[in-house]
Amino acid sequence: MDIETFQRAANLSPALAERWLLPITSAAEEFDINSPARLAAWIAQMGHESGGFRLLSESFNYAPDALRIFSRIPANMRADLGRHAGEKVVPIERQAQIANIAYGGRFGNGDASSGDGWRYRGRGLKQVTFKDNYRDAGRALGVDLVADPDRLANDDLLAARSAGWYWKSRGCNEAADSSDFDACTRAINPAMDGKSARDARYKTCCAALLV
């Protein structure tokens, strides 16, 4: 896959395409994302997860009503935790509160008071989330991501490798071989959030990669 094809597939600016071509192609080779069908599905999903290859750390900058996507955020707390009138961005302290409540006590994270929800929020192109996933990704990639989770947001090669690891470990290569893009989406986001946007990216990727 050359840079022009990648740029078209992911709908990127020239600068972003240049930034991500090596990490993407290296991770694709490492994790057997080695056919146009697999590449199209992977690039589409990772493009969605990362906001177009721009966001490597999860934001909790939510309006109060939008916090309903987190079932663990009580309705009576949404107005206090979400974006207030006059605020352009939820302050980091409140973003951390949201993450700690939403992600606490699950998949290796301690309870909300532990800070693990914020510590192990989504990072990398896939937005790897929860302590257990950071542990498993770190073991597979040969780095200690539990001790230093920010590496997935600060190292483009690791951001892409973690996405490739997650993809392969969840059987997404095989789903892509069968053109079952919905199965890929469910593996990444069981609630199928953003399905129409993911599908649109997939269509673009398929056209660029001649799938």
C-alpha atoms as a PDB file:
ATOM      1  CA  MET A   1       0.000   0.000   0.000  1.00  0.00           C
ATOM      2  CA  ASP A   2       1.580   3.257  -1.112  1.00  0.00           C
ATOM      3  CA  ILE A   3       1.004   6.619   0.514  1.00  0.00           C
ATOM      4  CA  GLU A   4      -1.492   7.829  -2.104  1.00  0.00           C
ATOM      5  CA  THR A   5      -3.655   4.737  -1.658  1.00  0.00           C
ATOM      6  CA  PHE A   6      -3.507   5.038   2.114  1.00  0.00           C
ATOM      7  CA  GLN A   7      -4.411   8.713   1.954  1.00  0.00           C
ATOM      8  CA  ARG A   8      -7.465   7.958  -0.187  1.00  0.00           C
ATOM      9  CA  ALA A   9      -8.524   4.978   1.895  1.00  0.00           C
ATOM     10  CA  ALA A  10      -8.345   6.797   5.213  1.00  0.00           C
ATOM     11  CA  ASN A  11      -9.369  10.186   3.771  1.00  0.00           C
ATOM     12  CA  LEU A  12      -6.367  11.914   5.307  1.00  0.00           C
ATOM     13  CA  SER A  13      -4.470  15.107   4.714  1.00  0.00           C
ATOM     14  CA  PRO A  14      -1.021  14.631   3.137  1.00  0.00           C
ATOM     15  CA  ALA A  15       0.622  15.357   6.504  1.00  0.00           C
ATOM     16  CA  LEU A  16      -1.430  12.756   8.377  1.00  0.00           C
ATOM     17  CA  ALA A  17      -0.893  10.193   5.650  1.00  0.00           C
ATOM     18  CA  GLU A  18       2.860  10.710   5.852  1.00  0.00           C
ATOM     19  CA  ARG A  19       2.771  10.487   9.666  1.00  0.00           C
ATOM     20  CA  TRP A  20       0.821   7.240   9.777  1.00  0.00           C
ATOM     21  CA  LEU A  21       1.936   5.261   6.719  1.00  0.00           C
ATOM     22  CA  LEU A  22       4.927   3.564   8.386  1.00  0.00           C
ATOM     23  CA  PRO A  23       3.157   2.756  11.692  1.00  0.00           C
ATOM     24  CA  ILE A  24       0.140   1.391   9.820  1.00  0.00           C
ATOM     25  CA  THR A  25       2.067  -0.702   7.310  1.00  0.00           C
ATOM     26  CA  SER A  26       4.446  -2.035   9.987  1.00  0.00           C
ATOM     27  CA  ALA A  27       1.608  -3.050  12.298  1.00  0.00           C
ATOM     28  CA  ALA A  28      -0.330  -4.557   9.398  1.00  0.00           C
ATOM     29  CA  GLU A  29       2.632  -6.769   8.527  1.00  0.00           C
ATOM     30  CA  GLU A  30       3.177  -7.790  12.166  1.00  0.00           C
ATOM     31  CA  PHE A  31      -0.443  -8.798  12.731  1.00  0.00           C
ATOM     32  CA  ASP A  32      -1.246 -10.432   9.394  1.00  0.00           C
ATOM     33  CA  ILE A  33      -3.472  -7.644   8.111  1.00  0.00           C
ATOM     34  CA  ASN A  34      -2.135  -8.652   4.771  1.00  0.00           C
ATOM     35  CA  SER A  35      -4.865  -8.431   2.152  1.00  0.00           C
ATOM     36  CA  PRO A  36      -6.879  -5.559   0.697  1.00  0.00           C
ATOM     37  CA  ALA A  37     -10.016  -6.863   2.466  1.00  0.00           C
ATOM     38  CA  ARG A  38      -8.286  -6.952   5.844  1.00  0.00           C
ATOM     39  CA  LEU A  39      -6.629  -3.574   5.346  1.00  0.00           C
ATOM     40  CA  ALA A  40      -9.878  -1.928   4.276  1.00  0.00           C
ATOM     41  CA  ALA A  41     -11.775  -3.124   7.339  1.00  0.00           C
ATOM     42  CA  TRP A  42      -8.922  -2.342   9.747  1.00  0.00           C
ATOM     43  CA  ILE A  43      -8.196   1.141   8.428  1.00  0.00           C
ATOM     44  CA  ALA A  44     -11.902   1.978   8.477  1.00  0.00           C
ATOM     45  CA  GLN A  45     -12.354   0.856  12.068  1.00  0.00           C
ATOM     46  CA  MET A  46      -9.175   2.481  13.340  1.00  0.00           C
ATOM     47  CA  GLY A  47     -10.011   5.681  11.506  1.00  0.00           C
ATOM     48  CA  HIS A  48     -13.332   5.811  13.302  1.00  0.00           C
ATOM     49  CA  GLU A  49     -11.868   4.958  16.704  1.00  0.00           C
ATOM     50  CA  SER A  50      -9.191   7.644  16.416  1.00  0.00           C
ATOM     51  CA  GLY A  51     -11.301  10.415  14.942  1.00  0.00           C
ATOM     52  CA  GLY A  52      -9.574  10.213  11.599  1.00  0.00           C
ATOM     53  CA  PHE A  53      -6.117   9.282  12.931  1.00  0.00           C
ATOM     54  CA  ARG A  54      -6.064  12.435  15.059  1.00  0.00           C
ATOM     55  CA  LEU A  55      -7.005  11.342  18.586  1.00  0.00           C
ATOM     56  CA  LEU A  56      -4.853   8.923  20.568  1.00  0.00           C
ATOM     57  CA  SER A  57      -6.375   9.510  24.010  1.00  0.00           C
ATOM     58  CA  GLU A  58     -10.028   9.268  24.965  1.00  0.00           C
ATOM     59  CA  SER A  59     -11.819  12.516  25.762  1.00  0.00           C
ATOM     60  CA  PHE A  60     -14.622  12.794  28.303  1.00  0.00           C
ATOM     61  CA  ASN A  61     -15.689  16.234  27.136  1.00  0.00           C
ATOM     62  CA  TYR A  62     -19.399  15.427  27.190  1.00  0.00           C
ATOM     63  CA  ALA A  63     -22.514  17.533  27.436  1.00  0.00           C
ATOM     64  CA  PRO A  64     -24.719  16.324  30.326  1.00  0.00           C
ATOM     65  CA  ASP A  65     -27.253  14.588  28.081  1.00  0.00           C
ATOM     66  CA  ALA A  66     -24.494  12.740  26.231  1.00  0.00           C
ATOM     67  CA  LEU A  67     -23.345  11.091  29.463  1.00  0.00           C
ATOM     68  CA  ARG A  68     -26.280   8.722  29.206  1.00  0.00           C
ATOM     69  CA  ILE A  69     -24.038   6.510  27.049  1.00  0.00           C
ATOM     70  CA  PHE A  70     -22.331   5.530  30.306  1.00  0.00           C
ATOM     71  CA  SER A  71     -24.837   3.470  32.240  1.00  0.00           C
ATOM     72  CA  ARG A  72     -22.794   3.849  35.404  1.00  0.00           C
ATOM     73  CA  ILE A  73     -23.113   7.642  35.480  1.00  0.00           C
ATOM     74  CA  PRO A  74     -26.250   8.302  37.551  1.00  0.00           C
ATOM     75  CA  ALA A  75     -28.770  10.616  35.919  1.00  0.00           C
ATOM     76  CA  ASN A  76     -28.625  12.974  38.888  1.00  0.00           C
ATOM     77  CA  MET A  77     -24.854  13.464  38.404  1.00  0.00           C
ATOM     78  CA  ARG A  78     -24.822  14.255  34.695  1.00  0.00           C
ATOM     79  CA  ALA A  79     -25.472  17.981  35.015  1.00  0.00           C
ATOM     80  CA  ASP A  80     -22.657  18.380  37.556  1.00  0.00           C
ATOM     81  CA  LEU A  81     -20.119  16.264  35.690  1.00  0.00           C
ATOM     82  CA  GLY A  82     -20.887  17.221  32.099  1.00  0.00           C
ATOM     83  CA  ARG A  83     -20.033  20.424  30.277  1.00  0.00           C
ATOM     84  CA  HIS A  84     -21.469  23.473  32.038  1.00  0.00           C
ATOM     85  CA  ALA A  85     -22.926  26.556  30.398  1.00  0.00           C
ATOM     86  CA  GLY A  86     -20.073  28.732  29.174  1.00  0.00           C
ATOM     87  CA  GLU A  87     -17.538  25.899  29.191  1.00  0.00           C
ATOM     88  CA  LYS A  88     -15.959  24.899  25.899  1.00  0.00           C
ATOM     89  CA  VAL A  89     -14.326  21.847  27.453  1.00  0.00           C
ATOM     90  CA  VAL A  90     -15.028  19.856  30.609  1.00  0.00           C
ATOM     91  CA  PRO A  91     -12.094  20.486  32.973  1.00  0.00           C
ATOM     92  CA  ILE A  92      -9.690  17.574  33.279  1.00  0.00           C
ATOM     93  CA  GLU A  93     -10.619  17.011  36.922  1.00  0.00           C
ATOM     94  CA  ARG A  94     -14.253  16.361  35.989  1.00  0.00           C
ATOM     95  CA  GLN A  95     -13.262  14.311  32.938  1.00  0.00           C
ATOM     96  CA  ALA A  96     -11.293  12.084  35.298  1.00  0.00           C
ATOM     97  CA  GLN A  97     -14.331  11.766  37.581  1.00  0.00           C
ATOM     98  CA  ILE A  98     -16.448  10.661  34.638  1.00  0.00           C
ATOM     99  CA  ALA A  99     -13.894   8.071  33.554  1.00  0.00           C
ATOM    100  CA  ASN A 100     -13.406   6.729  37.059  1.00  0.00           C
ATOM    101  CA  ILE A 101     -17.128   6.229  37.589  1.00  0.00           C
ATOM    102  CA  ALA A 102     -17.786   4.862  34.102  1.00  0.00           C
ATOM    103  CA  TYR A 103     -14.867   2.426  34.026  1.00  0.00           C
ATOM    104  CA  GLY A 104     -14.282   1.655  37.711  1.00  0.00           C
ATOM    105  CA  GLY A 105     -14.534  -1.875  39.047  1.00  0.00           C
ATOM    106  CA  ARG A 106     -14.359  -3.635  35.690  1.00  0.00           C
ATOM    107  CA  PHE A 107     -11.809  -5.611  33.662  1.00  0.00           C
ATOM    108  CA  GLY A 108      -9.006  -5.230  36.163  1.00  0.00           C
ATOM    109  CA  ASN A 109      -9.740  -1.629  37.160  1.00  0.00           C
ATOM    110  CA  GLY A 110     -10.123  -0.794  40.818  1.00  0.00           C
ATOM    111  CA  ASP A 111     -13.185   1.072  42.023  1.00  0.00           C
ATOM    112  CA  ALA A 112     -13.863   4.713  41.202  1.00  0.00           C
ATOM    113  CA  SER A 113     -11.634   5.920  44.026  1.00  0.00           C
ATOM    114  CA  SER A 114      -8.610   4.073  42.599  1.00  0.00           C
ATOM    115  CA  GLY A 115      -8.314   6.379  39.600  1.00  0.00           C
ATOM    116  CA  ASP A 116      -7.957   3.392  37.271  1.00  0.00           C
ATOM    117  CA  GLY A 117     -10.823   4.477  35.033  1.00  0.00           C
ATOM    118  CA  TRP A 118      -8.907   7.592  34.035  1.00  0.00           C
ATOM    119  CA  ARG A 119      -5.495   5.900  34.200  1.00  0.00           C
ATOM    120  CA  TYR A 120      -6.586   3.178  31.775  1.00  0.00           C
ATOM    121  CA  ARG A 121      -8.913   5.188  29.552  1.00  0.00           C
ATOM    122  CA  GLY A 122      -8.858   4.628  25.816  1.00  0.00           C
ATOM    123  CA  ARG A 123      -5.521   5.218  24.088  1.00  0.00           C
ATOM    124  CA  GLY A 124      -3.873   4.354  20.804  1.00  0.00           C
ATOM    125  CA  LEU A 125      -5.572   4.011  17.436  1.00  0.00           C
ATOM    126  CA  LYS A 126      -7.902   1.352  18.825  1.00  0.00           C
ATOM    127  CA  GLN A 127      -8.493   3.232  22.106  1.00  0.00           C
ATOM    128  CA  VAL A 128      -7.381   0.281  24.258  1.00  0.00           C
ATOM    129  CA  THR A 129      -9.332   0.581  27.523  1.00  0.00           C
ATOM    130  CA  PHE A 130      -9.188  -1.061  30.999  1.00  0.00           C
ATOM    131  CA  LYS A 131      -6.220  -2.354  32.952  1.00  0.00           C
ATOM    132  CA  ASP A 132      -6.641  -5.959  31.803  1.00  0.00           C
ATOM    133  CA  ASN A 133      -6.391  -4.904  28.162  1.00  0.00           C
ATOM    134  CA  TYR A 134      -3.354  -2.719  28.855  1.00  0.00           C
ATOM    135  CA  ARG A 135      -1.732  -5.709  30.577  1.00  0.00           C
ATOM    136  CA  ASP A 136      -2.522  -8.081  27.716  1.00  0.00           C
ATOM    137  CA  ALA A 137      -1.456  -5.598  25.049  1.00  0.00           C
ATOM    138  CA  GLY A 138       1.763  -4.881  26.887  1.00  0.00           C
ATOM    139  CA  ARG A 139       2.614  -8.568  27.126  1.00  0.00           C
ATOM    140  CA  ALA A 140       1.974  -9.063  23.428  1.00  0.00           C
ATOM    141  CA  LEU A 141       3.968  -5.976  22.424  1.00  0.00           C
ATOM    142  CA  GLY A 142       6.822  -6.425  24.890  1.00  0.00           C
ATOM    143  CA  VAL A 143       6.283  -3.215  26.843  1.00  0.00           C
ATOM    144  CA  ASP A 144       4.912  -2.448  30.312  1.00  0.00           C
ATOM    145  CA  LEU A 145       1.738  -0.554  29.500  1.00  0.00           C
ATOM    146  CA  VAL A 146       0.267  -1.026  32.975  1.00  0.00           C
ATOM    147  CA  ALA A 147       3.106   1.036  34.439  1.00  0.00           C
ATOM    148  CA  ASP A 148       3.173   3.525  31.556  1.00  0.00           C
ATOM    149  CA  PRO A 149      -0.212   3.591  29.762  1.00  0.00           C
ATOM    150  CA  ASP A 150       0.545   6.969  28.169  1.00  0.00           C
ATOM    151  CA  ARG A 151       2.961   5.258  25.790  1.00  0.00           C
ATOM    152  CA  LEU A 152      -0.014   4.328  23.611  1.00  0.00           C
ATOM    153  CA  ALA A 153      -0.814   8.015  23.181  1.00  0.00           C
ATOM    154  CA  ASN A 154       2.778   9.223  22.778  1.00  0.00           C
ATOM    155  CA  ASP A 155       4.298   6.629  20.444  1.00  0.00           C
ATOM    156  CA  ASP A 156       2.701   6.277  16.998  1.00  0.00           C
ATOM    157  CA  LEU A 157       4.280   2.881  16.379  1.00  0.00           C
ATOM    158  CA  LEU A 158       2.848   1.503  19.621  1.00  0.00           C
ATOM    159  CA  ALA A 159      -0.486   3.191  18.946  1.00  0.00           C
ATOM    160  CA  ALA A 160      -0.706   1.279  15.661  1.00  0.00           C
ATOM    161  CA  ARG A 161       0.753  -1.973  17.020  1.00  0.00           C
ATOM    162  CA  SER A 162      -1.766  -2.028  19.866  1.00  0.00           C
ATOM    163  CA  ALA A 163      -4.533  -1.614  17.301  1.00  0.00           C
ATOM    164  CA  GLY A 164      -3.136  -4.466  15.231  1.00  0.00           C
ATOM    165  CA  TRP A 165      -2.818  -6.698  18.291  1.00  0.00           C
ATOM    166  CA  TYR A 166      -6.402  -6.048  19.340  1.00  0.00           C
ATOM    167  CA  TRP A 167      -7.687  -6.641  15.808  1.00  0.00           C
ATOM    168  CA  LYS A 168      -5.956  -9.974  15.365  1.00  0.00           C
ATOM    169  CA  SER A 169      -6.650 -11.197  18.894  1.00  0.00           C
ATOM    170  CA  ARG A 170     -10.414 -10.691  18.404  1.00  0.00           C
ATOM    171  CA  GLY A 171     -10.589 -12.601  15.144  1.00  0.00           C
ATOM    172  CA  CYS A 172     -11.181  -9.557  12.979  1.00  0.00           C
ATOM    173  CA  ASN A 173      -8.890 -10.731  10.195  1.00  0.00           C
ATOM    174  CA  GLU A 174     -11.138 -13.722   9.634  1.00  0.00           C
ATOM    175  CA  ALA A 175     -14.273 -11.562   9.800  1.00  0.00           C
ATOM    176  CA  ALA A 176     -12.775  -9.244   7.183  1.00  0.00           C
ATOM    177  CA  ASP A 177     -11.984 -12.228   4.963  1.00  0.00           C
ATOM    178  CA  SER A 178     -15.705 -12.990   4.992  1.00  0.00           C
ATOM    179  CA  SER A 179     -16.621  -9.336   4.341  1.00  0.00           C
ATOM    180  CA  ASP A 180     -18.404  -9.354   7.723  1.00  0.00           C
ATOM    181  CA  PHE A 181     -17.693  -5.772   8.670  1.00  0.00           C
ATOM    182  CA  ASP A 182     -20.452  -5.813  11.302  1.00  0.00           C
ATOM    183  CA  ALA A 183     -18.607  -8.588  13.127  1.00  0.00           C
ATOM    184  CA  CYS A 184     -15.516  -6.381  13.179  1.00  0.00           C
ATOM    185  CA  THR A 185     -17.571  -3.540  14.615  1.00  0.00           C
ATOM    186  CA  ARG A 186     -19.055  -5.771  17.324  1.00  0.00           C
ATOM    187  CA  ALA A 187     -15.576  -6.980  18.285  1.00  0.00           C
ATOM    188  CA  ILE A 188     -14.460  -3.382  18.757  1.00  0.00           C
ATOM    189  CA  ASN A 189     -17.674  -1.859  20.094  1.00  0.00           C
ATOM    190  CA  PRO A 190     -20.350  -4.381  21.139  1.00  0.00           C
ATOM    191  CA  ALA A 191     -22.960  -1.616  21.234  1.00  0.00           C
ATOM    192  CA  MET A 192     -22.240  -0.899  17.538  1.00  0.00           C
ATOM    193  CA  ASP A 193     -21.872   2.826  18.306  1.00  0.00           C
ATOM    194  CA  GLY A 194     -21.218   4.884  15.209  1.00  0.00           C
ATOM    195  CA  LYS A 195     -22.205   2.090  12.837  1.00  0.00           C
ATOM    196  CA  SER A 196     -23.220   4.358   9.958  1.00  0.00           C
ATOM    197  CA  ALA A 197     -19.985   6.366  10.185  1.00  0.00           C
ATOM    198  CA  ARG A 198     -17.922   3.179  10.347  1.00  0.00           C
ATOM    199  CA  ASP A 199     -19.755   1.769   7.350  1.00  0.00           C
ATOM    200  CA  ALA A 200     -19.113   4.955   5.371  1.00  0.00           C
ATOM    201  CA  ARG A 201     -15.391   4.756   6.120  1.00  0.00           C
ATOM    202  CA  TYR A 202     -15.383   1.102   5.077  1.00  0.00           C
ATOM    203  CA  LYS A 203     -16.984   1.941   1.749  1.00  0.00           C
ATOM    204  CA  THR A 204     -14.272   4.553   1.102  1.00  0.00           C
ATOM    205  CA  CYS A 205     -11.522   2.124   2.073  1.00  0.00           C
ATOM    206  CA  CYS A 206     -12.901  -0.623  -0.147  1.00  0.00           C
ATOM    207  CA  ALA A 207     -13.002   1.716  -3.105  1.00  0.00           C
ATOM    208  CA  ALA A 208      -9.420   2.875  -2.578  1.00  0.00           C
ATOM    209  CA  LEU A 209      -8.065  -0.640  -2.006  1.00  0.00           C
ATOM    210  CA  LEU A 210     -10.120  -2.236  -4.805  1.00  0.00           C
ATOM    211  CA  VAL A 211     -11.899  -4.655  -2.497  1.00  0.00           C
END
